[in-house]
Amino acid sequence: MRKVLAVLSLAFLAAYGIDLAVAQQKAAEDLKKQDTVPPATGRNLPEQAGTTEPSSKVQNTSQDQSIFVRGVLSVPGAPTDVDTAPAKFSQRTAADDQLPIAAYRLKGLNGDQRREIVQRAGTLPDRASSANAVVGAELPTGVATESLAPVPDDLAAKYPELRGTGFMRVANTVLIVDLDNSLVVGVLEG
């Protein structure tokens, strides 16, 4: 009885396996018939040979619609007064390009704000030489640790650009110095 069951099981599996193989072969043939991508072996059409970019096939709707005008985005809703405009089109960007990188931190302060900062630092004694009164100059460590007065908290809260800086008077100017690297980031007259 066991032999009969084993033989019947083998026969069933063989028949099922043959049906499965036939079904897979038929599915593969159907897939080959449905393949719409032409082979890339011939050079009859540029897209078959891979010699053209896919984007070059897109039809251009209009040449008059420019995304950029004079280096600034011209799409609806885009900001117009931006720092990304090229210097040849924007006087503001050209002026910003003339600033040392260290001075860029305080470039947003107007004249009244600068005068207020100078008045707050007016009580400090002169302690450094005028050779250090240049934006971007690095103060010697001894001068920076002994002569700098930290910016008062209320002034730093009013002007966030002053956070992490200190004051120093030099002749008729007030130096604003970054406390982390002893770099002069501003020279205010007064």
C-alpha atoms as a PDB file:
ATOM      1  CA  MET A   1       0.000   0.000   0.000  1.00  0.00           C
ATOM      2  CA  ARG A   2       2.823   2.357   0.800  1.00  0.00           C
ATOM      3  CA  LYS A   3       4.454   1.692  -2.534  1.00  0.00           C
ATOM      4  CA  VAL A   4       1.258   2.496  -4.346  1.00  0.00           C
ATOM      5  CA  LEU A   5       0.935   5.803  -2.474  1.00  0.00           C
ATOM      6  CA  ALA A   6       4.565   6.673  -3.185  1.00  0.00           C
ATOM      7  CA  VAL A   7       4.150   5.934  -6.905  1.00  0.00           C
ATOM      8  CA  LEU A   8       0.936   7.947  -7.073  1.00  0.00           C
ATOM      9  CA  SER A   9       2.597  10.849  -5.259  1.00  0.00           C
ATOM     10  CA  LEU A  10       5.531  10.822  -7.653  1.00  0.00           C
ATOM     11  CA  ALA A  11       3.218  10.701 -10.643  1.00  0.00           C
ATOM     12  CA  PHE A  12       1.185  13.595  -9.294  1.00  0.00           C
ATOM     13  CA  LEU A  13       4.296  15.685  -8.633  1.00  0.00           C
ATOM     14  CA  ALA A  14       5.689  14.933 -12.090  1.00  0.00           C
ATOM     15  CA  ALA A  15       2.429  15.963 -13.765  1.00  0.00           C
ATOM     16  CA  TYR A  16       2.161  19.082 -11.630  1.00  0.00           C
ATOM     17  CA  GLY A  17       5.814  19.993 -12.341  1.00  0.00           C
ATOM     18  CA  ILE A  18       5.298  19.608 -16.081  1.00  0.00           C
ATOM     19  CA  ASP A  19       2.202  21.819 -15.942  1.00  0.00           C
ATOM     20  CA  LEU A  20       4.125  24.406 -13.935  1.00  0.00           C
ATOM     21  CA  ALA A  21       7.011  24.401 -16.429  1.00  0.00           C
ATOM     22  CA  VAL A  22       4.615  24.804 -19.350  1.00  0.00           C
ATOM     23  CA  ALA A  23       2.849  27.694 -17.588  1.00  0.00           C
ATOM     24  CA  GLN A  24       6.160  29.462 -16.894  1.00  0.00           C
ATOM     25  CA  GLN A  25       7.284  29.038 -20.477  1.00  0.00           C
ATOM     26  CA  LYS A  26       3.987  30.422 -21.762  1.00  0.00           C
ATOM     27  CA  ALA A  27       4.240  33.437 -19.381  1.00  0.00           C
ATOM     28  CA  ALA A  28       7.769  34.138 -20.621  1.00  0.00           C
ATOM     29  CA  GLU A  29       6.623  34.058 -24.241  1.00  0.00           C
ATOM     30  CA  ASP A  30       3.721  36.396 -23.457  1.00  0.00           C
ATOM     31  CA  LEU A  31       6.114  38.765 -21.741  1.00  0.00           C
ATOM     32  CA  LYS A  32       8.392  38.831 -24.782  1.00  0.00           C
ATOM     33  CA  LYS A  33       5.423  39.670 -26.994  1.00  0.00           C
ATOM     34  CA  GLN A  34       4.369  42.548 -24.713  1.00  0.00           C
ATOM     35  CA  ASP A  35       7.852  44.121 -24.373  1.00  0.00           C
ATOM     36  CA  THR A  36       7.526  47.609 -25.870  1.00  0.00           C
ATOM     37  CA  VAL A  37      11.138  48.672 -25.357  1.00  0.00           C
ATOM     38  CA  PRO A  38      13.109  48.242 -28.579  1.00  0.00           C
ATOM     39  CA  PRO A  39      16.538  46.692 -28.323  1.00  0.00           C
ATOM     40  CA  ALA A  40      19.359  49.234 -28.090  1.00  0.00           C
ATOM     41  CA  THR A  41      21.603  47.412 -30.511  1.00  0.00           C
ATOM     42  CA  GLY A  42      20.838  49.205 -33.753  1.00  0.00           C
ATOM     43  CA  ARG A  43      21.686  52.791 -34.647  1.00  0.00           C
ATOM     44  CA  ASN A  44      18.556  53.414 -36.676  1.00  0.00           C
ATOM     45  CA  LEU A  45      17.035  55.893 -34.226  1.00  0.00           C
ATOM     46  CA  PRO A  46      18.998  58.097 -31.819  1.00  0.00           C
ATOM     47  CA  GLU A  47      16.927  56.984 -28.837  1.00  0.00           C
ATOM     48  CA  GLN A  48      17.702  53.345 -29.626  1.00  0.00           C
ATOM     49  CA  ALA A  49      21.432  53.972 -29.668  1.00  0.00           C
ATOM     50  CA  GLY A  50      21.374  56.025 -26.458  1.00  0.00           C
ATOM     51  CA  THR A  51      22.915  59.071 -28.165  1.00  0.00           C
ATOM     52  CA  THR A  52      20.280  61.623 -27.111  1.00  0.00           C
ATOM     53  CA  GLU A  53      19.266  62.870 -23.707  1.00  0.00           C
ATOM     54  CA  PRO A  54      15.685  62.059 -22.694  1.00  0.00           C
ATOM     55  CA  SER A  55      15.082  65.721 -21.849  1.00  0.00           C
ATOM     56  CA  SER A  56      15.889  66.756 -25.422  1.00  0.00           C
ATOM     57  CA  LYS A  57      12.725  65.030 -26.607  1.00  0.00           C
ATOM     58  CA  VAL A  58      10.469  67.251 -24.473  1.00  0.00           C
ATOM     59  CA  GLN A  59       8.737  69.862 -26.556  1.00  0.00           C
ATOM     60  CA  ASN A  60       9.338  73.440 -25.405  1.00  0.00           C
ATOM     61  CA  THR A  61       6.072  75.278 -24.885  1.00  0.00           C
ATOM     62  CA  SER A  62       7.391  78.821 -25.136  1.00  0.00           C
ATOM     63  CA  GLN A  63      10.764  80.516 -25.375  1.00  0.00           C
ATOM     64  CA  ASP A  64       9.424  83.765 -23.872  1.00  0.00           C
ATOM     65  CA  GLN A  65       8.937  82.412 -20.349  1.00  0.00           C
ATOM     66  CA  SER A  66      12.252  82.833 -18.554  1.00  0.00           C
ATOM     67  CA  ILE A  67      12.671  81.530 -15.052  1.00  0.00           C
ATOM     68  CA  PHE A  68      15.509  83.957 -14.347  1.00  0.00           C
ATOM     69  CA  VAL A  69      15.573  87.643 -15.276  1.00  0.00           C
ATOM     70  CA  ARG A  70      18.892  89.397 -14.626  1.00  0.00           C
ATOM     71  CA  GLY A  71      19.959  86.530 -12.375  1.00  0.00           C
ATOM     72  CA  VAL A  72      16.875  86.647 -10.106  1.00  0.00           C
ATOM     73  CA  LEU A  73      13.927  84.250 -10.084  1.00  0.00           C
ATOM     74  CA  SER A  74      10.986  85.765 -11.930  1.00  0.00           C
ATOM     75  CA  VAL A  75       8.327  83.166 -11.133  1.00  0.00           C
ATOM     76  CA  PRO A  76       5.204  84.308  -9.263  1.00  0.00           C
ATOM     77  CA  GLY A  77       5.754  84.488  -5.510  1.00  0.00           C
ATOM     78  CA  ALA A  78       9.569  84.533  -5.664  1.00  0.00           C
ATOM     79  CA  PRO A  79      11.292  87.206  -3.545  1.00  0.00           C
ATOM     80  CA  THR A  80      12.766  90.033  -5.589  1.00  0.00           C
ATOM     81  CA  ASP A  81      15.220  91.623  -3.133  1.00  0.00           C
ATOM     82  CA  VAL A  82      17.707  88.779  -2.679  1.00  0.00           C
ATOM     83  CA  ASP A  83      21.434  88.367  -2.094  1.00  0.00           C
ATOM     84  CA  THR A  84      21.721  85.855  -4.924  1.00  0.00           C
ATOM     85  CA  ALA A  85      21.441  88.458  -7.694  1.00  0.00           C
ATOM     86  CA  PRO A  86      24.740  88.757  -9.598  1.00  0.00           C
ATOM     87  CA  ALA A  87      26.836  91.816  -8.726  1.00  0.00           C
ATOM     88  CA  LYS A  88      26.653  93.098 -12.299  1.00  0.00           C
ATOM     89  CA  PHE A  89      22.863  93.483 -11.889  1.00  0.00           C
ATOM     90  CA  SER A  90      22.630  94.475  -8.206  1.00  0.00           C
ATOM     91  CA  GLN A  91      24.433  97.357  -6.518  1.00  0.00           C
ATOM     92  CA  ARG A  92      23.664  95.832  -3.124  1.00  0.00           C
ATOM     93  CA  THR A  93      25.342  92.558  -4.037  1.00  0.00           C
ATOM     94  CA  ALA A  94      28.309  94.452  -5.499  1.00  0.00           C
ATOM     95  CA  ALA A  95      28.686  96.381  -2.224  1.00  0.00           C
ATOM     96  CA  ASP A  96      28.409  93.146  -0.212  1.00  0.00           C
ATOM     97  CA  ASP A  97      31.164  91.628  -2.329  1.00  0.00           C
ATOM     98  CA  GLN A  98      33.504  94.426  -1.198  1.00  0.00           C
ATOM     99  CA  LEU A  99      33.011  93.594   2.505  1.00  0.00           C
ATOM    100  CA  PRO A 100      35.457  91.334   4.286  1.00  0.00           C
ATOM    101  CA  ILE A 101      33.792  88.131   5.424  1.00  0.00           C
ATOM    102  CA  ALA A 102      34.248  89.106   9.083  1.00  0.00           C
ATOM    103  CA  ALA A 103      32.333  92.382   8.518  1.00  0.00           C
ATOM    104  CA  TYR A 104      29.336  90.622   7.040  1.00  0.00           C
ATOM    105  CA  ARG A 105      28.105  89.811  10.563  1.00  0.00           C
ATOM    106  CA  LEU A 106      27.292  93.472  11.321  1.00  0.00           C
ATOM    107  CA  LYS A 107      26.310  94.665   7.841  1.00  0.00           C
ATOM    108  CA  GLY A 108      22.624  94.817   8.773  1.00  0.00           C
ATOM    109  CA  LEU A 109      23.111  97.481  11.438  1.00  0.00           C
ATOM    110  CA  ASN A 110      22.084 100.974  10.372  1.00  0.00           C
ATOM    111  CA  GLY A 111      23.747 104.234  11.475  1.00  0.00           C
ATOM    112  CA  ASP A 112      21.504 104.826  14.511  1.00  0.00           C
ATOM    113  CA  GLN A 113      22.078 101.298  15.779  1.00  0.00           C
ATOM    114  CA  ARG A 114      25.832 101.679  15.355  1.00  0.00           C
ATOM    115  CA  ARG A 115      25.772 105.001  17.267  1.00  0.00           C
ATOM    116  CA  GLU A 116      23.837 103.365  20.118  1.00  0.00           C
ATOM    117  CA  ILE A 117      26.450 100.615  20.367  1.00  0.00           C
ATOM    118  CA  VAL A 118      29.271 103.186  20.394  1.00  0.00           C
ATOM    119  CA  GLN A 119      27.524 105.148  23.179  1.00  0.00           C
ATOM    120  CA  ARG A 120      27.175 101.987  25.282  1.00  0.00           C
ATOM    121  CA  ALA A 121      30.883 101.265  24.846  1.00  0.00           C
ATOM    122  CA  GLY A 122      31.881 104.902  25.417  1.00  0.00           C
ATOM    123  CA  THR A 123      32.936 104.401  29.028  1.00  0.00           C
ATOM    124  CA  LEU A 124      35.658 101.872  28.199  1.00  0.00           C
ATOM    125  CA  PRO A 125      39.294 103.010  28.427  1.00  0.00           C
ATOM    126  CA  ASP A 126      41.615 102.915  25.399  1.00  0.00           C
ATOM    127  CA  ARG A 127      43.830  99.834  25.660  1.00  0.00           C
ATOM    128  CA  ALA A 128      44.957  98.576  22.271  1.00  0.00           C
ATOM    129  CA  SER A 129      47.075  99.955  19.514  1.00  0.00           C
ATOM    130  CA  SER A 130      45.464 101.340  16.371  1.00  0.00           C
ATOM    131  CA  ALA A 131      47.147  98.617  14.311  1.00  0.00           C
ATOM    132  CA  ASN A 132      44.383  96.224  15.416  1.00  0.00           C
ATOM    133  CA  ALA A 133      41.573  98.549  14.270  1.00  0.00           C
ATOM    134  CA  VAL A 134      40.926  96.665  11.028  1.00  0.00           C
ATOM    135  CA  VAL A 135      38.008  94.343  10.308  1.00  0.00           C
ATOM    136  CA  GLY A 136      39.327  90.812  10.029  1.00  0.00           C
ATOM    137  CA  ALA A 137      42.406  91.407  12.206  1.00  0.00           C
ATOM    138  CA  GLU A 138      43.097  88.860  14.910  1.00  0.00           C
ATOM    139  CA  LEU A 139      43.905  90.329  18.278  1.00  0.00           C
ATOM    140  CA  PRO A 140      46.788  88.906  20.288  1.00  0.00           C
ATOM    141  CA  THR A 141      45.560  86.583  23.036  1.00  0.00           C
ATOM    142  CA  GLY A 142      46.833  88.803  25.842  1.00  0.00           C
ATOM    143  CA  VAL A 143      45.055  91.886  24.484  1.00  0.00           C
ATOM    144  CA  ALA A 144      41.862  89.959  23.875  1.00  0.00           C
ATOM    145  CA  THR A 145      41.695  88.428  27.354  1.00  0.00           C
ATOM    146  CA  GLU A 146      42.658  91.611  29.269  1.00  0.00           C
ATOM    147  CA  SER A 147      41.042  94.419  27.268  1.00  0.00           C
ATOM    148  CA  LEU A 148      37.706  93.111  26.028  1.00  0.00           C
ATOM    149  CA  ALA A 149      34.507  93.992  27.851  1.00  0.00           C
ATOM    150  CA  PRO A 150      31.684  91.556  27.063  1.00  0.00           C
ATOM    151  CA  VAL A 151      28.590  92.934  25.371  1.00  0.00           C
ATOM    152  CA  PRO A 152      25.843  93.576  27.950  1.00  0.00           C
ATOM    153  CA  ASP A 153      23.007  91.051  27.818  1.00  0.00           C
ATOM    154  CA  ASP A 154      20.329  93.664  27.119  1.00  0.00           C
ATOM    155  CA  LEU A 155      22.277  94.974  24.124  1.00  0.00           C
ATOM    156  CA  ALA A 156      22.886  91.445  22.817  1.00  0.00           C
ATOM    157  CA  ALA A 157      19.159  90.715  23.178  1.00  0.00           C
ATOM    158  CA  LYS A 158      18.335  93.861  21.187  1.00  0.00           C
ATOM    159  CA  TYR A 159      20.956  93.139  18.504  1.00  0.00           C
ATOM    160  CA  PRO A 160      21.475  89.375  18.070  1.00  0.00           C
ATOM    161  CA  GLU A 161      24.499  90.069  15.836  1.00  0.00           C
ATOM    162  CA  LEU A 162      26.404  91.063  18.972  1.00  0.00           C
ATOM    163  CA  ARG A 163      26.002  87.737  20.779  1.00  0.00           C
ATOM    164  CA  GLY A 164      29.380  86.246  21.574  1.00  0.00           C
ATOM    165  CA  THR A 165      31.271  89.494  21.022  1.00  0.00           C
ATOM    166  CA  GLY A 166      33.155  91.970  23.188  1.00  0.00           C
ATOM    167  CA  PHE A 167      33.960  95.705  23.019  1.00  0.00           C
ATOM    168  CA  MET A 168      37.265  97.468  23.001  1.00  0.00           C
ATOM    169  CA  ARG A 169      38.058 101.171  22.511  1.00  0.00           C
ATOM    170  CA  VAL A 170      40.947 102.091  20.230  1.00  0.00           C
ATOM    171  CA  ALA A 171      41.615 105.818  19.777  1.00  0.00           C
ATOM    172  CA  ASN A 172      38.350 107.208  18.380  1.00  0.00           C
ATOM    173  CA  THR A 173      36.817 103.862  17.423  1.00  0.00           C
ATOM    174  CA  VAL A 174      35.103 100.950  19.101  1.00  0.00           C
ATOM    175  CA  LEU A 175      36.199  97.479  18.055  1.00  0.00           C
ATOM    176  CA  ILE A 176      33.686  94.663  18.181  1.00  0.00           C
ATOM    177  CA  VAL A 177      35.570  91.411  18.610  1.00  0.00           C
ATOM    178  CA  ASP A 178      34.318  87.830  18.334  1.00  0.00           C
ATOM    179  CA  LEU A 179      35.150  86.208  21.683  1.00  0.00           C
ATOM    180  CA  ASP A 180      35.593  82.712  20.242  1.00  0.00           C
ATOM    181  CA  ASN A 181      38.476  83.538  17.907  1.00  0.00           C
ATOM    182  CA  SER A 182      39.592  87.095  18.879  1.00  0.00           C
ATOM    183  CA  LEU A 183      38.701  88.316  15.387  1.00  0.00           C
ATOM    184  CA  VAL A 184      37.663  91.943  14.823  1.00  0.00           C
ATOM    185  CA  VAL A 185      34.195  91.832  13.212  1.00  0.00           C
ATOM    186  CA  GLY A 186      33.402  95.530  13.378  1.00  0.00           C
ATOM    187  CA  VAL A 187      35.072  98.904  13.674  1.00  0.00           C
ATOM    188  CA  LEU A 188      32.595 101.621  14.697  1.00  0.00           C
ATOM    189  CA  GLU A 189      33.583 105.299  14.560  1.00  0.00           C
ATOM    190  CA  GLY A 190      32.754 107.601  17.450  1.00  0.00           C
END
